[in-house]
Amino acid sequence: IDKIFEEFNETPIAAASLGQVYEAKL
């Protein structure tokens, strides 16, 4: 993951019936 994302916020910003959404920086 550290080879793809410079930052990854582990607190989800949204949750849906099929998945969960996070903010990150490549």
PDB file of all heavy atoms in Angstrom:
ATOM      1  N   ILE A   1       0.822  -1.214   0.000  1.00  0.00           N
ATOM      2  CA  ILE A   1       0.000   0.000   0.000  1.00  0.00           C
ATOM      3  C   ILE A   1       0.852   1.259   0.000  1.00  0.00           C
ATOM      4  O   ILE A   1       0.520   2.252  -0.644  1.00  0.00           O
ATOM      5  CB  ILE A   1      -0.966  -0.025   1.208  1.00  0.00           C
ATOM      6  CG1 ILE A   1      -2.010  -1.131   0.997  1.00  0.00           C
ATOM      7  CG2 ILE A   1      -1.663   1.329   1.390  1.00  0.00           C
ATOM      8  CD1 ILE A   1      -2.985  -1.287   2.130  1.00  0.00           C
ATOM      9  N   ASP A   2       2.003   1.206   0.707  1.00  0.00           N
ATOM     10  CA  ASP A   2       2.843   2.407   0.750  1.00  0.00           C
ATOM     11  C   ASP A   2       3.534   2.692  -0.569  1.00  0.00           C
ATOM     12  O   ASP A   2       4.129   3.756  -0.752  1.00  0.00           O
ATOM     13  CB  ASP A   2       3.874   2.290   1.882  1.00  0.00           C
ATOM     14  CG  ASP A   2       4.752   1.041   1.744  1.00  0.00           C
ATOM     15  OD1 ASP A   2       4.564   0.294   0.763  1.00  0.00           O
ATOM     16  OD2 ASP A   2       5.610   0.828   2.612  1.00  0.00           O
ATOM     17  N   LYS A   3       3.474   1.742  -1.510  1.00  0.00           N
ATOM     18  CA  LYS A   3       4.009   1.976  -2.847  1.00  0.00           C
ATOM     19  C   LYS A   3       2.991   2.663  -3.754  1.00  0.00           C
ATOM     20  O   LYS A   3       3.312   3.119  -4.845  1.00  0.00           O
ATOM     21  CB  LYS A   3       4.423   0.640  -3.491  1.00  0.00           C
ATOM     22  CG  LYS A   3       5.508  -0.122  -2.753  1.00  0.00           C
ATOM     23  CD  LYS A   3       6.858   0.568  -2.854  1.00  0.00           C
ATOM     24  CE  LYS A   3       7.950  -0.288  -2.196  1.00  0.00           C
ATOM     25  NZ  LYS A   3       9.266   0.399  -2.224  1.00  0.00           N
ATOM     26  N   ILE A   4       1.723   2.694  -3.305  1.00  0.00           N
ATOM     27  CA  ILE A   4       0.637   3.295  -4.103  1.00  0.00           C
ATOM     28  C   ILE A   4       0.167   4.595  -3.482  1.00  0.00           C
ATOM     29  O   ILE A   4       0.007   5.607  -4.167  1.00  0.00           O
ATOM     30  CB  ILE A   4      -0.549   2.316  -4.215  1.00  0.00           C
ATOM     31  CG1 ILE A   4      -0.107   1.010  -4.873  1.00  0.00           C
ATOM     32  CG2 ILE A   4      -1.701   2.956  -5.006  1.00  0.00           C
ATOM     33  CD1 ILE A   4      -1.167  -0.065  -4.862  1.00  0.00           C
ATOM     34  N   PHE A   5      -0.040   4.561  -2.154  1.00  0.00           N
ATOM     35  CA  PHE A   5      -0.622   5.722  -1.469  1.00  0.00           C
ATOM     36  C   PHE A   5       0.416   6.419  -0.591  1.00  0.00           C
ATOM     37  O   PHE A   5       1.099   5.776   0.214  1.00  0.00           O
ATOM     38  CB  PHE A   5      -1.815   5.294  -0.604  1.00  0.00           C
ATOM     39  CG  PHE A   5      -2.907   4.602  -1.382  1.00  0.00           C
ATOM     40  CD1 PHE A   5      -3.061   3.225  -1.307  1.00  0.00           C
ATOM     41  CD2 PHE A   5      -3.775   5.334  -2.188  1.00  0.00           C
ATOM     42  CE1 PHE A   5      -4.068   2.583  -2.009  1.00  0.00           C
ATOM     43  CE2 PHE A   5      -4.784   4.695  -2.899  1.00  0.00           C
ATOM     44  CZ  PHE A   5      -4.927   3.326  -2.813  1.00  0.00           C
ATOM     45  N   GLU A   6       0.477   7.712  -0.739  1.00  0.00           N
ATOM     46  CA  GLU A   6       1.316   8.521   0.149  1.00  0.00           C
ATOM     47  C   GLU A   6       0.618   8.697   1.492  1.00  0.00           C
ATOM     48  O   GLU A   6       1.254   8.684   2.549  1.00  0.00           O
ATOM     49  CB  GLU A   6       1.574   9.884  -0.501  1.00  0.00           C
ATOM     50  CG  GLU A   6       2.473  10.796   0.309  1.00  0.00           C
ATOM     51  CD  GLU A   6       2.689  12.133  -0.372  1.00  0.00           C
ATOM     52  OE1 GLU A   6       2.819  12.167  -1.614  1.00  0.00           O
ATOM     53  OE2 GLU A   6       2.712  13.159   0.355  1.00  0.00           O
ATOM     54  N   GLU A   7      -0.715   8.875   1.424  1.00  0.00           N
ATOM     55  CA  GLU A   7      -1.532   9.011   2.629  1.00  0.00           C
ATOM     56  C   GLU A   7      -2.785   8.153   2.462  1.00  0.00           C
ATOM     57  O   GLU A   7      -3.278   7.980   1.355  1.00  0.00           O
ATOM     58  CB  GLU A   7      -1.939  10.473   2.864  1.00  0.00           C
ATOM     59  CG  GLU A   7      -0.782  11.429   3.054  1.00  0.00           C
ATOM     60  CD  GLU A   7      -1.248  12.878   3.127  1.00  0.00           C
ATOM     61  OE1 GLU A   7      -2.482  13.110   3.202  1.00  0.00           O
ATOM     62  OE2 GLU A   7      -0.383  13.772   3.102  1.00  0.00           O
ATOM     63  N   PHE A   8      -3.285   7.640   3.571  1.00  0.00           N
ATOM     64  CA  PHE A   8      -4.535   6.861   3.524  1.00  0.00           C
ATOM     65  C   PHE A   8      -5.283   7.088   4.835  1.00  0.00           C
ATOM     66  O   PHE A   8      -4.825   6.680   5.906  1.00  0.00           O
ATOM     67  CB  PHE A   8      -4.263   5.376   3.325  1.00  0.00           C
ATOM     68  CG  PHE A   8      -5.480   4.591   2.906  1.00  0.00           C
ATOM     69  CD1 PHE A   8      -5.690   4.259   1.576  1.00  0.00           C
ATOM     70  CD2 PHE A   8      -6.441   4.192   3.842  1.00  0.00           C
ATOM     71  CE1 PHE A   8      -6.806   3.532   1.183  1.00  0.00           C
ATOM     72  CE2 PHE A   8      -7.564   3.487   3.460  1.00  0.00           C
ATOM     73  CZ  PHE A   8      -7.743   3.158   2.116  1.00  0.00           C
ATOM     74  N   ASN A   9      -6.429   7.760   4.751  1.00  0.00           N
ATOM     75  CA  ASN A   9      -7.244   8.033   5.935  1.00  0.00           C
ATOM     76  C   ASN A   9      -8.077   6.792   6.254  1.00  0.00           C
ATOM     77  O   ASN A   9      -8.959   6.399   5.477  1.00  0.00           O
ATOM     78  CB  ASN A   9      -8.153   9.232   5.669  1.00  0.00           C
ATOM     79  CG  ASN A   9      -8.961   9.634   6.890  1.00  0.00           C
ATOM     80  OD1 ASN A   9      -8.945   8.949   7.918  1.00  0.00           O
ATOM     81  ND2 ASN A   9      -9.665  10.742   6.792  1.00  0.00           N
ATOM     82  N   GLU A  10      -7.782   6.163   7.385  1.00  0.00           N
ATOM     83  CA  GLU A  10      -8.427   4.892   7.709  1.00  0.00           C
ATOM     84  C   GLU A  10      -9.822   5.047   8.309  1.00  0.00           C
ATOM     85  O   GLU A  10     -10.459   4.060   8.670  1.00  0.00           O
ATOM     86  CB  GLU A  10      -7.537   4.085   8.660  1.00  0.00           C
ATOM     87  CG  GLU A  10      -6.214   3.678   8.009  1.00  0.00           C
ATOM     88  CD  GLU A  10      -5.423   2.701   8.845  1.00  0.00           C
ATOM     89  OE1 GLU A  10      -5.903   2.354   9.952  1.00  0.00           O
ATOM     90  OE2 GLU A  10      -4.352   2.271   8.399  1.00  0.00           O
ATOM     91  N   THR A  11     -10.293   6.286   8.406  1.00  0.00           N
ATOM     92  CA  THR A  11     -11.677   6.509   8.856  1.00  0.00           C
ATOM     93  C   THR A  11     -12.571   6.631   7.626  1.00  0.00           C
ATOM     94  O   THR A  11     -12.386   7.523   6.794  1.00  0.00           O
ATOM     95  CB  THR A  11     -11.789   7.811   9.682  1.00  0.00           C
ATOM     96  OG1 THR A  11     -10.914   7.726  10.792  1.00  0.00           O
ATOM     97  CG2 THR A  11     -13.217   8.019  10.155  1.00  0.00           C
ATOM     98  N   PRO A  12     -13.528   5.716   7.446  1.00  0.00           N
ATOM     99  CA  PRO A  12     -14.365   5.768   6.242  1.00  0.00           C
ATOM    100  C   PRO A  12     -15.224   7.027   6.197  1.00  0.00           C
ATOM    101  O   PRO A  12     -15.721   7.486   7.225  1.00  0.00           O
ATOM    102  CB  PRO A  12     -15.237   4.509   6.345  1.00  0.00           C
ATOM    103  CG  PRO A  12     -15.222   4.138   7.796  1.00  0.00           C
ATOM    104  CD  PRO A  12     -13.910   4.602   8.343  1.00  0.00           C
ATOM    105  N   ILE A  13     -15.385   7.587   4.998  1.00  0.00           N
ATOM    106  CA  ILE A  13     -16.225   8.780   4.840  1.00  0.00           C
ATOM    107  C   ILE A  13     -17.645   8.411   4.432  1.00  0.00           C
ATOM    108  O   ILE A  13     -18.554   9.247   4.485  1.00  0.00           O
ATOM    109  CB  ILE A  13     -15.622   9.756   3.804  1.00  0.00           C
ATOM    110  CG1 ILE A  13     -15.497   9.093   2.430  1.00  0.00           C
ATOM    111  CG2 ILE A  13     -14.283  10.285   4.264  1.00  0.00           C
ATOM    112  CD1 ILE A  13     -15.109  10.032   1.313  1.00  0.00           C
ATOM    113  N   ALA A  14     -17.853   7.169   4.012  1.00  0.00           N
ATOM    114  CA  ALA A  14     -19.196   6.714   3.631  1.00  0.00           C
ATOM    115  C   ALA A  14     -19.237   5.193   3.651  1.00  0.00           C
ATOM    116  O   ALA A  14     -18.216   4.531   3.444  1.00  0.00           O
ATOM    117  CB  ALA A  14     -19.567   7.236   2.246  1.00  0.00           C
ATOM    118  N   ALA A  15     -20.428   4.653   3.910  1.00  0.00           N
ATOM    119  CA  ALA A  15     -20.634   3.205   3.880  1.00  0.00           C
ATOM    120  C   ALA A  15     -21.906   2.914   3.108  1.00  0.00           C
ATOM    121  O   ALA A  15     -22.931   3.543   3.333  1.00  0.00           O
ATOM    122  CB  ALA A  15     -20.734   2.651   5.294  1.00  0.00           C
ATOM    123  N   ALA A  16     -21.798   1.988   2.168  1.00  0.00           N
ATOM    124  CA  ALA A  16     -22.954   1.601   1.355  1.00  0.00           C
ATOM    125  C   ALA A  16     -23.236   0.120   1.566  1.00  0.00           C
ATOM    126  O   ALA A  16     -22.521  -0.566   2.299  1.00  0.00           O
ATOM    127  CB  ALA A  16     -22.692   1.906  -0.116  1.00  0.00           C
ATOM    128  N   SER A  17     -24.286  -0.375   0.916  1.00  0.00           N
ATOM    129  CA  SER A  17     -24.682  -1.774   1.117  1.00  0.00           C
ATOM    130  C   SER A  17     -23.639  -2.745   0.582  1.00  0.00           C
ATOM    131  O   SER A  17     -23.527  -3.861   1.073  1.00  0.00           O
ATOM    132  CB  SER A  17     -26.030  -2.030   0.437  1.00  0.00           C
ATOM    133  OG  SER A  17     -25.977  -1.663  -0.923  1.00  0.00           O
ATOM    134  N   LEU A  18     -22.867  -2.320  -0.419  1.00  0.00           N
ATOM    135  CA  LEU A  18     -21.881  -3.221  -1.018  1.00  0.00           C
ATOM    136  C   LEU A  18     -20.444  -2.885  -0.646  1.00  0.00           C
ATOM    137  O   LEU A  18     -19.569  -3.741  -0.732  1.00  0.00           O
ATOM    138  CB  LEU A  18     -22.010  -3.215  -2.549  1.00  0.00           C
ATOM    139  CG  LEU A  18     -23.359  -3.631  -3.132  1.00  0.00           C
ATOM    140  CD1 LEU A  18     -23.288  -3.662  -4.644  1.00  0.00           C
ATOM    141  CD2 LEU A  18     -23.787  -4.993  -2.599  1.00  0.00           C
ATOM    142  N   GLY A  19     -20.177  -1.623  -0.295  1.00  0.00           N
ATOM    143  CA  GLY A  19     -18.796  -1.244  -0.041  1.00  0.00           C
ATOM    144  C   GLY A  19     -18.662  -0.069   0.905  1.00  0.00           C
ATOM    145  O   GLY A  19     -19.657   0.456   1.426  1.00  0.00           O
ATOM    146  N   GLN A  20     -17.406   0.331   1.107  1.00  0.00           N
ATOM    147  CA  GLN A  20     -17.066   1.409   2.024  1.00  0.00           C
ATOM    148  C   GLN A  20     -16.074   2.343   1.332  1.00  0.00           C
ATOM    149  O   GLN A  20     -15.225   1.885   0.572  1.00  0.00           O
ATOM    150  CB  GLN A  20     -16.459   0.807   3.285  1.00  0.00           C
ATOM    151  CG  GLN A  20     -16.604   1.659   4.522  1.00  0.00           C
ATOM    152  CD  GLN A  20     -16.609   0.815   5.777  1.00  0.00           C
ATOM    153  OE1 GLN A  20     -17.647   0.315   6.190  1.00  0.00           O
ATOM    154  NE2 GLN A  20     -15.444   0.624   6.379  1.00  0.00           N
ATOM    155  N   VAL A  21     -16.158   3.644   1.623  1.00  0.00           N
ATOM    156  CA  VAL A  21     -15.358   4.630   0.897  1.00  0.00           C
ATOM    157  C   VAL A  21     -14.367   5.312   1.839  1.00  0.00           C
ATOM    158  O   VAL A  21     -14.726   5.720   2.947  1.00  0.00           O
ATOM    159  CB  VAL A  21     -16.275   5.689   0.228  1.00  0.00           C
ATOM    160  CG1 VAL A  21     -15.441   6.701  -0.553  1.00  0.00           C
ATOM    161  CG2 VAL A  21     -17.278   5.013  -0.699  1.00  0.00           C
ATOM    162  N   TYR A  22     -13.128   5.461   1.338  1.00  0.00           N
ATOM    163  CA  TYR A  22     -12.059   6.103   2.105  1.00  0.00           C
ATOM    164  C   TYR A  22     -11.409   7.203   1.265  1.00  0.00           C
ATOM    165  O   TYR A  22     -11.468   7.174   0.031  1.00  0.00           O
ATOM    166  CB  TYR A  22     -10.975   5.081   2.490  1.00  0.00           C
ATOM    167  CG  TYR A  22     -11.456   4.006   3.430  1.00  0.00           C
ATOM    168  CD1 TYR A  22     -12.076   2.860   2.937  1.00  0.00           C
ATOM    169  CD2 TYR A  22     -11.290   4.131   4.800  1.00  0.00           C
ATOM    170  CE1 TYR A  22     -12.509   1.849   3.792  1.00  0.00           C
ATOM    171  CE2 TYR A  22     -11.725   3.130   5.668  1.00  0.00           C
ATOM    172  CZ  TYR A  22     -12.333   1.996   5.164  1.00  0.00           C
ATOM    173  OH  TYR A  22     -12.770   1.017   6.011  1.00  0.00           O
ATOM    174  N   GLU A  23     -10.770   8.150   1.952  1.00  0.00           N
ATOM    175  CA  GLU A  23      -9.984   9.187   1.282  1.00  0.00           C
ATOM    176  C   GLU A  23      -8.507   8.792   1.325  1.00  0.00           C
ATOM    177  O   GLU A  23      -8.041   8.202   2.302  1.00  0.00           O
ATOM    178  CB  GLU A  23     -10.151  10.534   1.991  1.00  0.00           C
ATOM    179  CG  GLU A  23     -11.532  11.142   1.820  1.00  0.00           C
ATOM    180  CD  GLU A  23     -11.657  12.468   2.557  1.00  0.00           C
ATOM    181  OE1 GLU A  23     -11.217  12.539   3.725  1.00  0.00           O
ATOM    182  OE2 GLU A  23     -12.187  13.418   1.964  1.00  0.00           O
ATOM    183  N   ALA A  24      -7.789   9.141   0.238  1.00  0.00           N
ATOM    184  CA  ALA A  24      -6.364   8.817   0.185  1.00  0.00           C
ATOM    185  C   ALA A  24      -5.655   9.768  -0.771  1.00  0.00           C
ATOM    186  O   ALA A  24      -6.303  10.553  -1.476  1.00  0.00           O
ATOM    187  CB  ALA A  24      -6.163   7.366  -0.254  1.00  0.00           C
ATOM    188  N   LYS A  25      -4.330   9.661  -0.770  1.00  0.00           N
ATOM    189  CA  LYS A  25      -3.514  10.467  -1.680  1.00  0.00           C
ATOM    190  C   LYS A  25      -2.477   9.548  -2.318  1.00  0.00           C
ATOM    191  O   LYS A  25      -1.761   8.823  -1.621  1.00  0.00           O
ATOM    192  CB  LYS A  25      -2.823  11.599  -0.920  1.00  0.00           C
ATOM    193  CG  LYS A  25      -2.057  12.568  -1.812  1.00  0.00           C
ATOM    194  CD  LYS A  25      -1.478  13.708  -0.979  1.00  0.00           C
ATOM    195  CE  LYS A  25      -0.766  14.721  -1.866  1.00  0.00           C
ATOM    196  NZ  LYS A  25      -0.215  15.847  -1.065  1.00  0.00           N
ATOM    197  N   LEU A  26      -2.433   9.548  -3.647  1.00  0.00           N
ATOM    198  CA  LEU A  26      -1.508   8.681  -4.367  1.00  0.00           C
ATOM    199  C   LEU A  26      -0.074   9.199  -4.248  1.00  0.00           C
ATOM    200  O   LEU A  26       0.168  10.378  -3.963  1.00  0.00           O
ATOM    201  CB  LEU A  26      -1.899   8.591  -5.839  1.00  0.00           C
ATOM    202  CG  LEU A  26      -3.248   7.939  -6.157  1.00  0.00           C
ATOM    203  CD1 LEU A  26      -3.538   8.028  -7.662  1.00  0.00           C
ATOM    204  CD2 LEU A  26      -3.293   6.483  -5.710  1.00  0.00           C
TER     205      LEU A  26
END
